[in-house]
Amino acid sequence: MALSKQQERFYKKWEKRREHKMRYILFHGVLLIGGLIAFLLEFIASGYTLSFFEWSSFLLNYLLGSAIGAIYAHFQFKRIDQDYKLLKKGKVI
């Protein structure tokens, strides 16, 4: 069975990414998701203004967001890797 172009691109990209699981979790989970959660929590807590932005609470929110993001990225990595393994076996996702 031939793969579609989208599946081929996914296959080639993930083949390289899956070698660096920790890098994936740190970048996608801790940095991106953790930073986004921290910014949103701080923005909401400051009454939707950036003028009352407190770094101490931002850092606490970032630690919380990073933990949530790392867990999310780990499970996302596992799910994507399962799709990759199915494609590698020749099965359709």
N, C-alpha and C. Protein backbone atom coordinates (compact mmCIF):
# COMPACT_ATOMS: atom_id res chain seq x y z
N MET A 1 0.83 -1.17 0.00
CA MET A 1 0.00 0.00 0.00
C MET A 1 0.88 1.25 0.00
N ALA A 2 0.57 2.19 -0.85
CA ALA A 2 1.34 3.42 -0.95
C ALA A 2 0.84 4.45 0.07
N LEU A 3 1.78 5.19 0.62
CA LEU A 3 1.42 6.22 1.58
C LEU A 3 1.06 7.51 0.84
N SER A 4 0.16 8.29 1.42
CA SER A 4 -0.15 9.59 0.85
C SER A 4 1.03 10.53 1.11
N LYS A 5 1.03 11.66 0.44
CA LYS A 5 2.14 12.62 0.63
C LYS A 5 2.18 13.13 2.06
N GLN A 6 1.02 13.34 2.65
CA GLN A 6 0.97 13.81 4.03
C GLN A 6 1.55 12.76 4.97
N GLN A 7 1.23 11.49 4.74
CA GLN A 7 1.76 10.43 5.58
C GLN A 7 3.27 10.29 5.39
N GLU A 8 3.75 10.46 4.17
CA GLU A 8 5.20 10.39 3.92
C GLU A 8 5.93 11.50 4.66
N ARG A 9 5.39 12.73 4.62
CA ARG A 9 6.02 13.85 5.33
C ARG A 9 6.04 13.58 6.83
N PHE A 10 4.92 13.11 7.36
CA PHE A 10 4.85 12.78 8.77
C PHE A 10 5.88 11.71 9.12
N TYR A 11 5.96 10.67 8.32
CA TYR A 11 6.86 9.55 8.56
C TYR A 11 8.31 10.01 8.61
N LYS A 12 8.71 10.83 7.64
CA LYS A 12 10.10 11.31 7.58
C LYS A 12 10.42 12.24 8.74
N LYS A 13 9.48 13.15 9.06
CA LYS A 13 9.72 14.10 10.14
C LYS A 13 9.78 13.39 11.50
N TRP A 14 8.85 12.48 11.71
CA TRP A 14 8.79 11.81 13.02
C TRP A 14 9.95 10.85 13.21
N GLU A 15 10.46 10.29 12.11
CA GLU A 15 11.59 9.38 12.19
C GLU A 15 12.79 10.06 12.85
N LYS A 16 12.97 11.35 12.56
CA LYS A 16 14.07 12.12 13.17
C LYS A 16 13.71 12.56 14.59
N ARG A 17 12.48 13.02 14.78
CA ARG A 17 12.07 13.55 16.09
C ARG A 17 12.01 12.49 17.17
N ARG A 18 11.64 11.28 16.83
CA ARG A 18 11.43 10.27 17.86
C ARG A 18 12.72 9.84 18.54
N GLU A 19 13.86 10.17 17.94
CA GLU A 19 15.15 9.85 18.55
C GLU A 19 15.43 10.73 19.77
N HIS A 20 14.76 11.88 19.85
CA HIS A 20 15.03 12.85 20.92
C HIS A 20 13.75 13.11 21.72
N LYS A 21 13.34 12.12 22.47
CA LYS A 21 12.09 12.22 23.23
C LYS A 21 12.15 13.33 24.27
N MET A 22 13.24 13.43 25.01
CA MET A 22 13.35 14.46 26.05
C MET A 22 13.34 15.86 25.45
N ARG A 23 13.99 16.04 24.31
CA ARG A 23 13.98 17.34 23.65
C ARG A 23 12.55 17.71 23.25
N TYR A 24 11.81 16.72 22.75
CA TYR A 24 10.41 16.95 22.36
C TYR A 24 9.59 17.36 23.58
N ILE A 25 9.74 16.65 24.69
CA ILE A 25 8.98 16.97 25.89
C ILE A 25 9.37 18.33 26.45
N LEU A 26 10.67 18.62 26.47
CA LEU A 26 11.10 19.92 27.00
C LEU A 26 10.61 21.08 26.14
N PHE A 27 10.70 20.94 24.82
CA PHE A 27 10.30 22.04 23.96
C PHE A 27 8.78 22.18 23.90
N HIS A 28 8.09 21.09 23.54
CA HIS A 28 6.65 21.18 23.36
C HIS A 28 5.88 21.26 24.68
N GLY A 29 6.36 20.58 25.69
CA GLY A 29 5.65 20.56 26.97
C GLY A 29 6.04 21.68 27.90
N VAL A 30 7.31 21.70 28.27
CA VAL A 30 7.77 22.65 29.28
C VAL A 30 7.80 24.07 28.73
N LEU A 31 8.41 24.25 27.58
CA LEU A 31 8.57 25.61 27.05
C LEU A 31 7.28 26.16 26.47
N LEU A 32 6.69 25.47 25.51
CA LEU A 32 5.52 26.02 24.83
C LEU A 32 4.26 25.97 25.71
N ILE A 33 3.87 24.78 26.14
CA ILE A 33 2.64 24.66 26.90
C ILE A 33 2.79 25.30 28.29
N GLY A 34 3.93 25.05 28.94
CA GLY A 34 4.16 25.64 30.26
C GLY A 34 4.18 27.16 30.22
N GLY A 35 4.83 27.72 29.22
CA GLY A 35 4.86 29.18 29.07
C GLY A 35 3.49 29.76 28.77
N LEU A 36 2.75 29.08 27.92
CA LEU A 36 1.41 29.56 27.58
C LEU A 36 0.48 29.52 28.80
N ILE A 37 0.52 28.43 29.54
CA ILE A 37 -0.32 28.33 30.74
C ILE A 37 0.06 29.40 31.75
N ALA A 38 1.36 29.60 31.97
CA ALA A 38 1.82 30.61 32.94
C ALA A 38 1.37 32.00 32.52
N PHE A 39 1.53 32.32 31.25
CA PHE A 39 1.12 33.64 30.78
C PHE A 39 -0.38 33.84 30.93
N LEU A 40 -1.18 32.84 30.54
CA LEU A 40 -2.63 32.97 30.64
C LEU A 40 -3.10 33.09 32.09
N LEU A 41 -2.53 32.27 32.98
CA LEU A 41 -2.91 32.36 34.39
C LEU A 41 -2.55 33.72 34.98
N GLU A 42 -1.38 34.23 34.65
CA GLU A 42 -0.96 35.53 35.17
C GLU A 42 -1.80 36.66 34.57
N PHE A 43 -2.13 36.54 33.30
CA PHE A 43 -2.95 37.55 32.63
C PHE A 43 -4.35 37.61 33.25
N ILE A 44 -4.91 36.44 33.53
CA ILE A 44 -6.24 36.39 34.15
C ILE A 44 -6.17 36.91 35.59
N ALA A 45 -5.15 36.52 36.33
CA ALA A 45 -5.01 36.94 37.74
C ALA A 45 -4.78 38.44 37.87
N SER A 46 -4.16 39.05 36.86
CA SER A 46 -3.88 40.49 36.93
C SER A 46 -5.06 41.33 36.45
N GLY A 47 -6.19 40.71 36.21
CA GLY A 47 -7.37 41.47 35.78
C GLY A 47 -7.32 41.84 34.32
N TYR A 48 -6.73 41.00 33.51
CA TYR A 48 -6.63 41.18 32.05
C TYR A 48 -5.82 42.40 31.65
N THR A 49 -4.84 42.77 32.47
CA THR A 49 -3.91 43.84 32.11
C THR A 49 -2.50 43.34 32.38
N LEU A 50 -1.57 43.84 31.60
CA LEU A 50 -0.18 43.44 31.80
C LEU A 50 0.57 44.39 32.73
N SER A 51 -0.09 45.46 33.18
CA SER A 51 0.59 46.42 34.04
C SER A 51 0.82 45.88 35.45
N PHE A 52 0.02 44.93 35.89
CA PHE A 52 0.16 44.35 37.23
C PHE A 52 0.83 42.98 37.19
N PHE A 53 1.67 42.77 36.23
CA PHE A 53 2.35 41.49 36.01
C PHE A 53 3.39 41.29 37.10
N GLU A 54 3.25 40.24 37.89
CA GLU A 54 4.20 39.94 38.98
C GLU A 54 5.05 38.74 38.60
N TRP A 55 6.36 38.91 38.66
CA TRP A 55 7.27 37.84 38.25
C TRP A 55 7.25 36.65 39.19
N SER A 56 7.05 36.90 40.47
CA SER A 56 7.06 35.78 41.42
C SER A 56 5.89 34.84 41.17
N SER A 57 4.71 35.39 40.96
CA SER A 57 3.56 34.52 40.68
C SER A 57 3.67 33.92 39.28
N PHE A 58 4.29 34.65 38.36
CA PHE A 58 4.50 34.09 37.02
C PHE A 58 5.40 32.86 37.09
N LEU A 59 6.45 32.91 37.89
CA LEU A 59 7.35 31.76 38.02
C LEU A 59 6.64 30.56 38.66
N LEU A 60 5.80 30.81 39.64
CA LEU A 60 5.03 29.71 40.23
C LEU A 60 4.06 29.13 39.21
N ASN A 61 3.41 29.99 38.44
CA ASN A 61 2.51 29.52 37.39
C ASN A 61 3.28 28.76 36.31
N TYR A 62 4.51 29.20 36.04
CA TYR A 62 5.32 28.52 35.04
C TYR A 62 5.72 27.12 35.51
N LEU A 63 6.04 26.98 36.79
CA LEU A 63 6.35 25.65 37.33
C LEU A 63 5.14 24.72 37.23
N LEU A 64 3.98 25.23 37.58
CA LEU A 64 2.75 24.45 37.47
C LEU A 64 2.47 24.10 36.00
N GLY A 65 2.57 25.10 35.13
CA GLY A 65 2.32 24.87 33.70
C GLY A 65 3.33 23.93 33.08
N SER A 66 4.57 24.01 33.52
CA SER A 66 5.61 23.12 33.00
C SER A 66 5.34 21.66 33.36
N ALA A 67 4.89 21.44 34.59
CA ALA A 67 4.56 20.07 35.00
C ALA A 67 3.40 19.53 34.18
N ILE A 68 2.37 20.34 34.02
CA ILE A 68 1.22 19.93 33.20
C ILE A 68 1.65 19.71 31.76
N GLY A 69 2.45 20.62 31.24
CA GLY A 69 2.90 20.53 29.86
C GLY A 69 3.79 19.32 29.60
N ALA A 70 4.65 18.99 30.55
CA ALA A 70 5.53 17.82 30.38
C ALA A 70 4.71 16.54 30.35
N ILE A 71 3.71 16.45 31.21
CA ILE A 71 2.85 15.26 31.22
C ILE A 71 2.08 15.17 29.90
N TYR A 72 1.53 16.29 29.46
CA TYR A 72 0.78 16.32 28.21
C TYR A 72 1.67 15.93 27.03
N ALA A 73 2.88 16.50 26.97
CA ALA A 73 3.79 16.21 25.86
C ALA A 73 4.23 14.76 25.86
N HIS A 74 4.38 14.17 27.04
CA HIS A 74 4.76 12.76 27.12
C HIS A 74 3.70 11.87 26.49
N PHE A 75 2.44 12.11 26.86
CA PHE A 75 1.35 11.30 26.30
C PHE A 75 1.14 11.60 24.82
N GLN A 76 1.35 12.84 24.42
CA GLN A 76 1.25 13.18 23.00
C GLN A 76 2.35 12.47 22.21
N PHE A 77 3.55 12.42 22.76
CA PHE A 77 4.65 11.72 22.10
C PHE A 77 4.32 10.25 21.92
N LYS A 78 3.78 9.63 22.96
CA LYS A 78 3.42 8.21 22.87
C LYS A 78 2.36 7.97 21.81
N ARG A 79 1.36 8.84 21.74
CA ARG A 79 0.28 8.68 20.76
C ARG A 79 0.81 8.84 19.34
N ILE A 80 1.63 9.84 19.12
CA ILE A 80 2.19 10.06 17.78
C ILE A 80 3.12 8.91 17.40
N ASP A 81 3.87 8.41 18.37
CA ASP A 81 4.78 7.31 18.09
C ASP A 81 4.02 6.03 17.73
N GLN A 82 2.86 5.83 18.34
CA GLN A 82 2.04 4.68 17.97
C GLN A 82 1.56 4.80 16.52
N ASP A 83 1.17 6.01 16.11
CA ASP A 83 0.77 6.23 14.72
C ASP A 83 1.94 5.95 13.78
N TYR A 84 3.12 6.39 14.18
CA TYR A 84 4.32 6.16 13.38
C TYR A 84 4.59 4.66 13.21
N LYS A 85 4.45 3.92 14.30
CA LYS A 85 4.70 2.48 14.23
C LYS A 85 3.68 1.77 13.34
N LEU A 86 2.43 2.24 13.38
CA LEU A 86 1.42 1.66 12.48
C LEU A 86 1.75 1.94 11.03
N LEU A 87 2.20 3.16 10.74
CA LEU A 87 2.60 3.49 9.37
C LEU A 87 3.80 2.67 8.93
N LYS A 88 4.72 2.45 9.86
CA LYS A 88 5.92 1.67 9.55
C LYS A 88 5.56 0.23 9.19
N LYS A 89 4.53 -0.30 9.85
CA LYS A 89 4.08 -1.66 9.55
C LYS A 89 3.26 -1.71 8.26
N GLY A 90 2.88 -0.55 7.75
CA GLY A 90 2.10 -0.52 6.52
C GLY A 90 0.60 -0.44 6.73
N LYS A 91 0.19 -0.22 7.96
CA LYS A 91 -1.24 -0.12 8.24
C LYS A 91 -1.66 1.35 8.13
N VAL A 92 -2.89 1.57 7.75
CA VAL A 92 -3.42 2.92 7.63
C VAL A 92 -3.83 3.42 8.99
N ILE A 93 -3.56 4.67 9.24
CA ILE A 93 -3.89 5.28 10.54
C ILE A 93 -5.40 5.50 10.60
